[in-house]
Amino acid sequence: MSPDLTTPGSVRSAAEINEQIRALWLRAGGSLSAQERAEYELLVVEWAAAIRSRVVEAA
């Protein structure tokens, strides 16, 4: 797993993170291992933070 997944204040866009999530599911073939599930959960948290950041910036 990439170390930048857990870096607070990531500057990656929600679209970029979403693409990584999609790639993970494609690699996994639709069934995640425990390690892939942990990576997925981190990506979803990062994606949600990116979305929240975008909403706050728009307000």
N, C-alpha and C. Protein backbone atom coordinates (compact mmCIF):
# COMPACT_ATOMS: atom_id res chain seq x y z
N MET A 1 0.85 -1.17 0.00
CA MET A 1 0.00 0.00 0.00
C MET A 1 0.89 1.23 0.00
N SER A 2 0.48 2.23 -0.74
CA SER A 2 1.24 3.45 -0.87
C SER A 2 1.20 4.27 0.42
N PRO A 3 2.33 4.81 0.86
CA PRO A 3 2.35 5.60 2.10
C PRO A 3 1.51 6.85 2.02
N ASP A 4 1.30 7.41 0.83
CA ASP A 4 0.54 8.65 0.73
C ASP A 4 -0.95 8.44 1.01
N LEU A 5 -1.38 7.21 1.14
CA LEU A 5 -2.79 6.95 1.44
C LEU A 5 -3.16 7.42 2.84
N THR A 6 -2.20 7.43 3.74
CA THR A 6 -2.50 7.79 5.12
C THR A 6 -2.00 9.19 5.49
N THR A 7 -1.47 9.93 4.52
CA THR A 7 -0.96 11.26 4.79
C THR A 7 -2.11 12.23 4.99
N PRO A 8 -2.19 12.84 6.18
CA PRO A 8 -3.26 13.81 6.41
C PRO A 8 -3.12 15.00 5.47
N GLY A 9 -4.23 15.58 5.07
CA GLY A 9 -4.21 16.75 4.22
C GLY A 9 -3.76 16.46 2.80
N SER A 10 -4.06 15.28 2.32
CA SER A 10 -3.68 14.90 0.97
C SER A 10 -4.22 15.92 -0.03
N VAL A 11 -3.44 16.17 -1.08
CA VAL A 11 -3.85 17.14 -2.08
C VAL A 11 -4.43 16.46 -3.31
N ARG A 12 -4.62 15.16 -3.24
CA ARG A 12 -5.17 14.45 -4.39
C ARG A 12 -6.66 14.79 -4.53
N SER A 13 -7.10 14.86 -5.76
CA SER A 13 -8.50 15.18 -6.01
C SER A 13 -9.37 13.95 -5.75
N ALA A 14 -10.66 14.21 -5.55
CA ALA A 14 -11.61 13.12 -5.36
C ALA A 14 -11.64 12.22 -6.59
N ALA A 15 -11.53 12.82 -7.77
CA ALA A 15 -11.54 12.04 -9.01
C ALA A 15 -10.34 11.11 -9.09
N GLU A 16 -9.19 11.60 -8.68
CA GLU A 16 -7.97 10.79 -8.68
C GLU A 16 -8.10 9.61 -7.71
N ILE A 17 -8.63 9.88 -6.54
CA ILE A 17 -8.81 8.83 -5.54
C ILE A 17 -9.85 7.83 -6.02
N ASN A 18 -10.92 8.32 -6.63
CA ASN A 18 -11.96 7.46 -7.16
C ASN A 18 -11.39 6.51 -8.22
N GLU A 19 -10.52 7.02 -9.05
CA GLU A 19 -9.89 6.20 -10.07
C GLU A 19 -9.04 5.09 -9.43
N GLN A 20 -8.38 5.42 -8.34
CA GLN A 20 -7.59 4.41 -7.63
C GLN A 20 -8.51 3.35 -7.01
N ILE A 21 -9.65 3.76 -6.50
CA ILE A 21 -10.62 2.82 -5.95
C ILE A 21 -11.11 1.87 -7.04
N ARG A 22 -11.45 2.43 -8.19
CA ARG A 22 -11.91 1.61 -9.31
C ARG A 22 -10.84 0.61 -9.75
N ALA A 23 -9.60 1.07 -9.80
CA ALA A 23 -8.49 0.20 -10.20
C ALA A 23 -8.31 -0.94 -9.19
N LEU A 24 -8.47 -0.64 -7.92
CA LEU A 24 -8.36 -1.66 -6.88
C LEU A 24 -9.42 -2.74 -7.09
N TRP A 25 -10.66 -2.33 -7.33
CA TRP A 25 -11.73 -3.31 -7.55
C TRP A 25 -11.49 -4.14 -8.80
N LEU A 26 -10.97 -3.50 -9.85
CA LEU A 26 -10.67 -4.25 -11.08
C LEU A 26 -9.58 -5.28 -10.84
N ARG A 27 -8.51 -4.89 -10.15
CA ARG A 27 -7.42 -5.82 -9.83
C ARG A 27 -7.93 -6.97 -8.97
N ALA A 28 -8.82 -6.66 -8.05
CA ALA A 28 -9.31 -7.67 -7.11
C ALA A 28 -10.34 -8.59 -7.74
N GLY A 29 -10.86 -8.23 -8.87
CA GLY A 29 -11.85 -9.07 -9.53
C GLY A 29 -13.19 -9.11 -8.81
N GLY A 30 -13.48 -8.06 -8.04
CA GLY A 30 -14.77 -7.96 -7.38
C GLY A 30 -14.83 -8.55 -5.98
N SER A 31 -13.76 -9.15 -5.52
CA SER A 31 -13.72 -9.71 -4.17
C SER A 31 -12.42 -9.29 -3.50
N LEU A 32 -12.51 -8.46 -2.47
CA LEU A 32 -11.32 -7.92 -1.82
C LEU A 32 -10.78 -8.84 -0.74
N SER A 33 -9.46 -8.97 -0.71
CA SER A 33 -8.78 -9.68 0.38
C SER A 33 -8.80 -8.75 1.60
N ALA A 34 -8.34 -9.23 2.72
CA ALA A 34 -8.30 -8.41 3.94
C ALA A 34 -7.40 -7.19 3.72
N GLN A 35 -6.27 -7.38 3.07
CA GLN A 35 -5.35 -6.27 2.81
C GLN A 35 -5.97 -5.27 1.84
N GLU A 36 -6.62 -5.78 0.80
CA GLU A 36 -7.28 -4.91 -0.16
C GLU A 36 -8.44 -4.16 0.49
N ARG A 37 -9.15 -4.81 1.39
CA ARG A 37 -10.26 -4.17 2.10
C ARG A 37 -9.74 -3.02 2.94
N ALA A 38 -8.61 -3.22 3.61
CA ALA A 38 -8.01 -2.15 4.41
C ALA A 38 -7.60 -0.98 3.52
N GLU A 39 -7.01 -1.27 2.36
CA GLU A 39 -6.63 -0.22 1.42
C GLU A 39 -7.87 0.51 0.92
N TYR A 40 -8.91 -0.25 0.59
CA TYR A 40 -10.17 0.34 0.13
C TYR A 40 -10.75 1.29 1.18
N GLU A 41 -10.76 0.86 2.42
CA GLU A 41 -11.31 1.70 3.49
C GLU A 41 -10.53 3.01 3.63
N LEU A 42 -9.21 2.94 3.53
CA LEU A 42 -8.40 4.16 3.60
C LEU A 42 -8.70 5.08 2.41
N LEU A 43 -8.84 4.49 1.24
CA LEU A 43 -9.15 5.28 0.06
C LEU A 43 -10.51 5.96 0.18
N VAL A 44 -11.49 5.25 0.71
CA VAL A 44 -12.83 5.83 0.86
C VAL A 44 -12.79 7.00 1.85
N VAL A 45 -12.05 6.86 2.93
CA VAL A 45 -11.92 7.96 3.90
C VAL A 45 -11.25 9.15 3.24
N GLU A 46 -10.19 8.90 2.46
CA GLU A 46 -9.50 9.98 1.77
C GLU A 46 -10.41 10.63 0.73
N TRP A 47 -11.18 9.81 0.01
CA TRP A 47 -12.10 10.32 -1.00
C TRP A 47 -13.15 11.23 -0.34
N ALA A 48 -13.71 10.77 0.78
CA ALA A 48 -14.72 11.56 1.49
C ALA A 48 -14.14 12.89 1.96
N ALA A 49 -12.90 12.88 2.44
CA ALA A 49 -12.26 14.12 2.88
C ALA A 49 -12.06 15.07 1.70
N ALA A 50 -11.70 14.53 0.55
CA ALA A 50 -11.52 15.36 -0.65
C ALA A 50 -12.85 15.97 -1.08
N ILE A 51 -13.92 15.20 -0.99
CA ILE A 51 -15.25 15.71 -1.33
C ILE A 51 -15.65 16.81 -0.35
N ARG A 52 -15.46 16.57 0.94
CA ARG A 52 -15.80 17.59 1.96
C ARG A 52 -15.00 18.86 1.72
N SER A 53 -13.74 18.72 1.41
CA SER A 53 -12.88 19.87 1.16
C SER A 53 -13.40 20.67 -0.03
N ARG A 54 -13.81 19.98 -1.07
CA ARG A 54 -14.34 20.64 -2.26
C ARG A 54 -15.64 21.38 -1.94
N VAL A 55 -16.48 20.79 -1.11
CA VAL A 55 -17.75 21.41 -0.74
C VAL A 55 -17.49 22.66 0.11
N VAL A 56 -16.55 22.58 1.03
CA VAL A 56 -16.21 23.72 1.88
C VAL A 56 -15.65 24.86 1.04
N GLU A 57 -14.79 24.54 0.08
CA GLU A 57 -14.22 25.55 -0.80
C GLU A 57 -15.30 26.24 -1.64
N ALA A 58 -16.33 25.50 -2.01
CA ALA A 58 -17.40 26.05 -2.85
C ALA A 58 -18.34 26.95 -2.05
N ALA A 59 -18.36 26.75 -0.74
CA ALA A 59 -19.31 27.51 0.10
C ALA A 59 -18.87 28.94 0.33
